[in-house]
Amino acid sequence: LVIRTSGEQRISNFMLWQVAYAEWVFPTVLWPDFRAPHFLECLHHYRHRERRFGGVPAQQNGTSAP
């Protein structure tokens, strides 16, 4: 999980190889104001994501899932 504060939704070539399969969260709070409740909110968003590990849902590719 990579958290980029300030709401900026670009990675600026930051650790491209290391974050190839990472999940990103972009909270709008600035770093000096980032506290534990913000971190817990990021974890909550991560926990409720649909993770496909590079796969495509069956509805999109026209085949049934294995």
N, C-alpha and C. Protein backbone atom coordinates (compact mmCIF):
# COMPACT_ATOMS: atom_id res chain seq x y z
N LEU A 1 0.85 -1.17 0.00
CA LEU A 1 0.00 0.00 0.00
C LEU A 1 0.90 1.23 0.00
N VAL A 2 0.70 2.10 -0.97
CA VAL A 2 1.44 3.35 -1.04
C VAL A 2 0.45 4.48 -0.81
N ILE A 3 0.76 5.35 0.14
CA ILE A 3 -0.11 6.47 0.47
C ILE A 3 0.57 7.74 0.00
N ARG A 4 -0.09 8.47 -0.88
CA ARG A 4 0.44 9.76 -1.34
C ARG A 4 -0.50 10.85 -0.86
N THR A 5 -0.02 11.65 0.05
CA THR A 5 -0.86 12.70 0.63
C THR A 5 -1.00 13.88 -0.33
N SER A 6 -1.86 14.78 -0.01
CA SER A 6 -2.17 16.03 -0.72
C SER A 6 -3.15 15.83 -1.86
N GLY A 7 -3.58 14.59 -2.11
CA GLY A 7 -4.56 14.36 -3.17
C GLY A 7 -3.97 14.33 -4.56
N GLU A 8 -2.68 14.55 -4.69
CA GLU A 8 -2.03 14.52 -6.00
C GLU A 8 -2.03 13.09 -6.51
N GLN A 9 -2.59 12.85 -7.70
CA GLN A 9 -2.74 11.49 -8.20
C GLN A 9 -1.74 11.18 -9.31
N ARG A 10 -0.48 11.42 -9.05
CA ARG A 10 0.57 11.04 -9.98
C ARG A 10 1.71 10.45 -9.15
N ILE A 11 2.50 9.60 -9.76
CA ILE A 11 3.56 8.95 -8.99
C ILE A 11 4.93 9.59 -9.19
N SER A 12 5.05 10.50 -10.14
CA SER A 12 6.30 11.25 -10.36
C SER A 12 7.51 10.33 -10.50
N ASN A 13 7.33 9.20 -11.19
CA ASN A 13 8.42 8.23 -11.40
C ASN A 13 9.03 7.74 -10.09
N PHE A 14 8.23 7.69 -9.04
CA PHE A 14 8.69 7.28 -7.72
C PHE A 14 8.75 5.76 -7.63
N MET A 15 9.93 5.19 -7.52
CA MET A 15 10.13 3.76 -7.34
C MET A 15 9.30 2.93 -8.31
N LEU A 16 9.41 3.20 -9.59
CA LEU A 16 8.55 2.56 -10.59
C LEU A 16 8.58 1.04 -10.52
N TRP A 17 9.73 0.44 -10.40
CA TRP A 17 9.82 -1.02 -10.39
C TRP A 17 9.26 -1.59 -9.10
N GLN A 18 9.47 -0.90 -8.00
CA GLN A 18 9.04 -1.42 -6.70
C GLN A 18 7.53 -1.33 -6.50
N VAL A 19 6.88 -0.39 -7.17
CA VAL A 19 5.44 -0.20 -6.94
C VAL A 19 4.59 -0.69 -8.11
N ALA A 20 5.16 -1.55 -8.93
CA ALA A 20 4.44 -2.02 -10.12
C ALA A 20 3.10 -2.67 -9.77
N TYR A 21 3.04 -3.41 -8.69
CA TYR A 21 1.80 -4.09 -8.30
C TYR A 21 1.24 -3.56 -6.99
N ALA A 22 1.66 -2.37 -6.61
CA ALA A 22 1.20 -1.79 -5.35
C ALA A 22 -0.20 -1.21 -5.50
N GLU A 23 -0.86 -1.09 -4.39
CA GLU A 23 -2.14 -0.39 -4.33
C GLU A 23 -1.85 1.02 -3.84
N TRP A 24 -2.50 2.00 -4.45
CA TRP A 24 -2.27 3.40 -4.13
C TRP A 24 -3.50 4.01 -3.48
N VAL A 25 -3.27 4.90 -2.52
CA VAL A 25 -4.33 5.68 -1.89
C VAL A 25 -3.87 7.14 -1.93
N PHE A 26 -4.80 8.04 -2.26
CA PHE A 26 -4.46 9.46 -2.40
C PHE A 26 -5.33 10.32 -1.48
N PRO A 27 -5.05 10.35 -0.18
CA PRO A 27 -5.84 11.21 0.71
C PRO A 27 -5.54 12.68 0.42
N THR A 28 -6.53 13.53 0.64
CA THR A 28 -6.36 14.95 0.32
C THR A 28 -5.65 15.73 1.41
N VAL A 29 -5.46 15.14 2.56
CA VAL A 29 -4.79 15.82 3.66
C VAL A 29 -3.30 15.98 3.34
N LEU A 30 -2.71 17.07 3.79
CA LEU A 30 -1.27 17.31 3.59
C LEU A 30 -0.46 16.51 4.60
N TRP A 31 0.78 16.20 4.27
CA TRP A 31 1.61 15.35 5.12
C TRP A 31 1.75 15.86 6.55
N PRO A 32 2.00 17.16 6.79
CA PRO A 32 2.14 17.60 8.19
C PRO A 32 0.87 17.37 9.02
N ASP A 33 -0.28 17.27 8.37
CA ASP A 33 -1.54 17.08 9.08
C ASP A 33 -1.99 15.62 9.11
N PHE A 34 -1.23 14.73 8.51
CA PHE A 34 -1.59 13.31 8.41
C PHE A 34 -1.42 12.66 9.78
N ARG A 35 -2.52 12.10 10.30
CA ARG A 35 -2.52 11.49 11.63
C ARG A 35 -3.06 10.07 11.55
N ALA A 36 -3.10 9.42 12.69
CA ALA A 36 -3.56 8.03 12.78
C ALA A 36 -4.95 7.82 12.17
N PRO A 37 -5.93 8.71 12.41
CA PRO A 37 -7.25 8.49 11.78
C PRO A 37 -7.18 8.49 10.25
N HIS A 38 -6.31 9.31 9.68
CA HIS A 38 -6.14 9.33 8.22
C HIS A 38 -5.55 8.00 7.75
N PHE A 39 -4.58 7.50 8.50
CA PHE A 39 -3.97 6.22 8.15
C PHE A 39 -5.00 5.09 8.22
N LEU A 40 -5.81 5.09 9.26
CA LEU A 40 -6.84 4.06 9.40
C LEU A 40 -7.86 4.15 8.27
N GLU A 41 -8.17 5.36 7.82
CA GLU A 41 -9.08 5.53 6.69
C GLU A 41 -8.46 4.95 5.41
N CYS A 42 -7.17 5.15 5.21
CA CYS A 42 -6.48 4.57 4.05
C CYS A 42 -6.54 3.05 4.10
N LEU A 43 -6.32 2.48 5.28
CA LEU A 43 -6.41 1.03 5.43
C LEU A 43 -7.82 0.54 5.16
N HIS A 44 -8.81 1.30 5.59
CA HIS A 44 -10.21 0.94 5.33
C HIS A 44 -10.48 0.90 3.83
N HIS A 45 -10.02 1.90 3.11
CA HIS A 45 -10.21 1.92 1.65
C HIS A 45 -9.51 0.73 1.00
N TYR A 46 -8.32 0.42 1.46
CA TYR A 46 -7.57 -0.71 0.91
C TYR A 46 -8.30 -2.03 1.17
N ARG A 47 -8.80 -2.18 2.39
CA ARG A 47 -9.48 -3.41 2.78
C ARG A 47 -10.72 -3.69 1.94
N HIS A 48 -11.37 -2.65 1.45
CA HIS A 48 -12.62 -2.82 0.72
C HIS A 48 -12.47 -2.73 -0.79
N ARG A 49 -11.26 -2.80 -1.30
CA ARG A 49 -11.04 -2.78 -2.74
C ARG A 49 -11.25 -4.16 -3.34
N GLU A 50 -11.67 -4.17 -4.59
CA GLU A 50 -11.75 -5.42 -5.33
C GLU A 50 -10.38 -5.64 -5.96
N ARG A 51 -9.65 -6.61 -5.46
CA ARG A 51 -8.31 -6.88 -5.98
C ARG A 51 -8.39 -8.05 -6.93
N ARG A 52 -7.88 -7.86 -8.15
CA ARG A 52 -7.95 -8.89 -9.19
C ARG A 52 -6.59 -9.45 -9.54
N PHE A 53 -5.52 -8.91 -8.96
CA PHE A 53 -4.17 -9.40 -9.19
C PHE A 53 -3.83 -9.48 -10.68
N GLY A 54 -4.19 -8.45 -11.41
CA GLY A 54 -3.87 -8.37 -12.84
C GLY A 54 -4.92 -9.00 -13.73
N GLY A 55 -5.89 -9.67 -13.16
CA GLY A 55 -6.94 -10.31 -13.96
C GLY A 55 -8.02 -9.33 -14.37
N VAL A 56 -8.87 -9.78 -15.27
CA VAL A 56 -9.98 -8.97 -15.75
C VAL A 56 -11.26 -9.70 -15.35
N PRO A 57 -12.26 -8.98 -14.83
CA PRO A 57 -13.52 -9.65 -14.49
C PRO A 57 -14.12 -10.35 -15.71
N ALA A 58 -14.83 -11.43 -15.49
CA ALA A 58 -15.40 -12.23 -16.57
C ALA A 58 -16.31 -11.41 -17.47
N GLN A 59 -17.02 -10.44 -16.93
CA GLN A 59 -17.94 -9.64 -17.73
C GLN A 59 -17.20 -8.79 -18.77
N GLN A 60 -15.97 -8.42 -18.50
CA GLN A 60 -15.25 -7.54 -19.40
C GLN A 60 -14.56 -8.28 -20.55
N ASN A 61 -14.13 -9.51 -20.32
CA ASN A 61 -13.40 -10.20 -21.38
C ASN A 61 -14.25 -11.22 -22.12
N GLY A 62 -15.51 -11.36 -21.76
CA GLY A 62 -16.43 -12.22 -22.50
C GLY A 62 -16.32 -13.70 -22.19
N THR A 63 -15.53 -14.07 -21.19
CA THR A 63 -15.42 -15.48 -20.83
C THR A 63 -15.83 -15.65 -19.38
N SER A 64 -16.07 -16.87 -19.00
CA SER A 64 -16.42 -17.14 -17.61
C SER A 64 -15.15 -17.32 -16.80
N ALA A 65 -15.24 -17.00 -15.53
CA ALA A 65 -14.09 -17.13 -14.65
C ALA A 65 -13.82 -18.60 -14.36
N PRO A 66 -12.55 -18.99 -14.20
CA PRO A 66 -12.22 -20.40 -13.92
C PRO A 66 -12.65 -20.82 -12.54
